[in-house]
Amino acid sequence: MVWRRRKRDWEDIFEEFFGREFEIFDDIFERMMRDIEEMLRLAERGEIKPIVRGFSIRIGPDGKPEIKEFGTKPEALVREGVEERRPLIDVIETDDEVQVIAEMPGVRKEDIDLNATERTLEIKAEGENRRYHEIVELPCEVIPDSAKARYNNGVLEVVFKKKHPERKGKKIKVE
């Protein structure tokens, strides 16, 4: 008897890799379609409003996919003709540091306001034509006072030192 492997299609592989997380794409797709329909309605009335929306996928330290949305918020606030957006954010964790990278084109470094706690980083930026806001959940506790931030060519990078719990122990005498 000859055994043949069944040829797997892309959906099988995707479903196996992401498991139940696959269902979130339906929700994201539906929201994007609603945004497109809203954009077309505004265009018909002559009120063209740019909409930026997308998502990024990365594999977390636990091996599960983390899906994050970015772009114009669905419930975007429009003040003075400027719409608030979510920046595209990536969080990288090493043994000693946590690095947060946010893409925020269209603002100057003077427009950026950062506020950190041991578990979160709040990013706000208000430029002439762009406004960004996001609260980033950090993967572990960090030392907020250790933060170093750089902004260059629309990319913000914030690096924190990890807070390592003090190891308290008791010396044991060997007899």
Protein backbone atom coordinates (compact mmCIF):
# COMPACT_ATOMS: atom_id res chain seq x y z
CA MET A 1 0.00 0.00 0.00
CA VAL A 2 1.31 3.47 -0.87
CA TRP A 3 0.69 6.21 1.66
CA ARG A 4 0.37 9.70 0.36
CA ARG A 5 0.38 12.82 2.38
CA ARG A 6 -2.65 14.96 1.95
CA LYS A 7 -1.71 18.27 0.44
CA ARG A 8 -2.48 20.96 2.98
CA ASP A 9 -3.79 24.27 1.84
CA TRP A 10 -2.93 27.67 3.32
CA GLU A 11 -6.08 27.80 5.47
CA ASP A 12 -5.22 24.46 7.15
CA ILE A 13 -1.73 25.66 7.99
CA PHE A 14 -2.99 29.05 9.18
CA GLU A 15 -5.71 27.43 11.34
CA GLU A 16 -3.19 25.00 12.85
CA PHE A 17 -0.70 27.77 13.60
CA PHE A 18 -3.13 30.34 15.02
CA GLY A 19 -5.83 28.02 16.34
CA ARG A 20 -8.86 29.88 17.66
CA GLU A 21 -7.11 33.23 17.15
CA PHE A 22 -8.01 32.83 13.48
CA GLU A 23 -11.52 34.07 14.29
CA ILE A 24 -10.22 37.54 15.20
CA PHE A 25 -9.47 38.17 11.52
CA ASP A 26 -13.18 38.00 10.73
CA ASP A 27 -13.83 40.74 13.28
CA ILE A 28 -10.96 42.90 11.98
CA PHE A 29 -12.10 42.39 8.39
CA GLU A 30 -15.69 43.37 9.26
CA ARG A 31 -14.50 46.57 10.95
CA MET A 32 -12.30 47.41 7.96
CA MET A 33 -15.24 46.88 5.59
CA ARG A 34 -17.39 49.21 7.73
CA ASP A 35 -14.62 51.81 7.53
CA ILE A 36 -14.48 51.49 3.75
CA GLU A 37 -18.26 51.86 3.51
CA GLU A 38 -18.09 54.96 5.73
CA MET A 39 -15.29 56.39 3.60
CA LEU A 40 -17.38 55.86 0.44
CA ARG A 41 -20.41 57.57 2.04
CA LEU A 42 -18.25 60.56 3.00
CA ALA A 43 -16.74 60.69 -0.49
CA GLU A 44 -20.23 60.77 -2.03
CA ARG A 45 -21.02 63.83 0.12
CA GLY A 46 -17.68 65.42 -0.76
CA GLU A 47 -16.32 64.99 2.78
CA ILE A 48 -13.28 62.85 2.11
CA LYS A 49 -11.64 61.74 5.36
CA PRO A 50 -8.50 59.57 5.32
CA ILE A 51 -8.77 56.26 7.14
CA VAL A 52 -5.68 54.28 8.05
CA ARG A 53 -6.23 50.79 9.51
CA GLY A 54 -4.23 47.61 9.74
CA PHE A 55 -2.93 44.95 12.09
CA SER A 56 0.36 43.36 12.98
CA ILE A 57 1.01 39.80 14.11
CA ARG A 58 3.88 38.58 16.21
CA ILE A 59 4.51 35.46 18.23
CA GLY A 60 4.62 36.16 21.96
CA PRO A 61 7.02 34.61 24.46
CA ASP A 62 4.40 31.95 25.24
CA GLY A 63 4.38 30.85 21.57
CA LYS A 64 0.90 32.24 20.92
CA PRO A 65 0.20 34.90 18.30
CA GLU A 66 -0.38 38.47 19.43
CA ILE A 67 -2.54 40.48 17.06
CA LYS A 68 -2.53 44.25 17.42
CA GLU A 69 -4.50 46.78 15.44
CA PHE A 70 -3.16 50.16 14.40
CA GLY A 71 -4.34 53.18 12.51
CA THR A 72 -7.39 55.40 12.77
CA LYS A 73 -9.47 54.43 15.75
CA PRO A 74 -13.00 53.33 14.88
CA GLU A 75 -14.37 55.80 17.40
CA ALA A 76 -11.82 58.40 16.28
CA LEU A 77 -12.05 61.79 17.85
CA VAL A 78 -11.86 64.62 15.37
CA ARG A 79 -10.86 67.94 16.92
CA GLU A 80 -9.80 70.93 14.85
CA GLY A 81 -9.91 68.72 11.75
CA VAL A 82 -7.26 66.32 13.08
CA GLU A 83 -8.12 62.66 13.64
CA GLU A 84 -6.59 60.53 16.41
CA ARG A 85 -4.81 57.34 15.34
CA ARG A 86 -3.19 54.35 16.97
CA PRO A 87 0.48 54.05 16.06
CA LEU A 88 1.88 50.76 14.78
CA ILE A 89 3.67 49.37 17.84
CA ASP A 90 6.12 46.55 18.38
CA VAL A 91 7.36 45.44 21.82
CA ILE A 92 10.65 43.57 22.06
CA GLU A 93 11.74 41.92 25.29
CA THR A 94 15.33 40.86 26.01
CA ASP A 95 16.87 39.48 29.18
CA ASP A 96 17.49 42.93 30.67
CA GLU A 97 15.36 45.39 28.67
CA VAL A 98 11.98 46.07 27.12
CA GLN A 99 11.98 48.05 23.89
CA VAL A 100 8.85 49.74 22.53
CA ILE A 101 8.92 50.90 18.90
CA ALA A 102 6.08 53.07 17.58
CA GLU A 103 5.66 54.33 14.02
CA MET A 104 4.24 57.85 14.19
CA PRO A 105 4.97 59.81 11.02
CA GLY A 106 3.88 63.40 10.73
CA VAL A 107 4.76 64.64 14.22
CA ARG A 108 7.86 66.29 15.70
CA LYS A 109 9.64 65.01 18.79
CA GLU A 110 8.44 68.13 20.64
CA ASP A 111 4.85 66.97 20.00
CA ILE A 112 5.35 63.62 21.81
CA ASP A 113 4.28 63.08 25.42
CA LEU A 114 5.25 59.81 27.16
CA ASN A 115 4.07 58.57 30.56
CA ALA A 116 5.27 55.26 32.01
CA THR A 117 4.37 53.04 34.93
CA GLU A 118 5.93 49.71 35.83
CA ARG A 119 3.46 47.89 33.52
CA THR A 120 2.36 50.43 30.87
CA LEU A 121 3.61 53.12 28.50
CA GLU A 122 1.19 55.83 27.41
CA ILE A 123 2.09 57.49 24.11
CA LYS A 124 0.45 60.76 23.02
CA ALA A 125 1.47 62.94 20.12
CA GLU A 126 -0.30 65.97 18.68
CA GLY A 127 1.12 67.47 15.50
CA GLU A 128 -0.42 69.91 13.05
CA ASN A 129 -2.01 67.20 10.91
CA ARG A 130 -1.67 64.04 13.00
CA ARG A 131 -2.66 62.93 16.47
CA TYR A 132 -1.68 59.61 18.05
CA HIS A 133 -2.65 57.94 21.31
CA GLU A 134 -2.05 54.46 22.69
CA ILE A 135 -1.50 52.76 26.03
CA VAL A 136 0.97 49.90 25.61
CA GLU A 137 0.82 46.97 28.03
CA LEU A 138 4.40 45.95 28.79
CA PRO A 139 5.25 42.22 28.98
CA CYS A 140 6.87 42.55 32.44
CA GLU A 141 7.58 45.11 35.14
CA VAL A 142 10.09 47.79 34.17
CA ILE A 143 11.84 50.65 35.95
CA PRO A 144 10.08 53.77 34.59
CA ASP A 145 12.98 56.07 35.61
CA SER A 146 15.36 54.06 33.41
CA ALA A 147 13.50 54.99 30.21
CA LYS A 148 15.46 56.36 27.28
CA ALA A 149 13.49 57.64 24.28
CA ARG A 150 14.56 58.56 20.73
CA TYR A 151 12.49 59.81 17.80
CA ASN A 152 13.86 59.77 14.27
CA ASN A 153 12.17 59.74 10.84
CA GLY A 154 8.71 59.01 12.27
CA VAL A 155 9.84 56.16 14.52
CA LEU A 156 9.77 56.43 18.31
CA GLU A 157 11.93 54.03 20.32
CA VAL A 158 11.62 53.77 24.11
CA VAL A 159 13.91 51.42 26.04
CA PHE A 160 13.31 50.42 29.68
CA LYS A 161 15.44 48.37 32.05
CA LYS A 162 13.56 45.39 33.44
CA LYS A 163 12.70 45.35 37.11
CA HIS A 164 14.22 42.16 38.46
CA PRO A 165 12.76 41.10 41.78
CA GLU A 166 15.32 40.95 44.53
CA ARG A 167 16.17 37.42 45.34
CA LYS A 168 15.70 37.00 49.03
CA GLY A 169 17.00 33.83 50.44
CA LYS A 170 18.38 32.31 53.51
CA LYS A 171 21.93 31.08 53.73
CA ILE A 172 21.96 27.39 54.51
CA LYS A 173 24.81 25.96 56.50
CA VAL A 174 26.11 22.66 55.23
CA GLU A 175 26.91 20.18 58.03
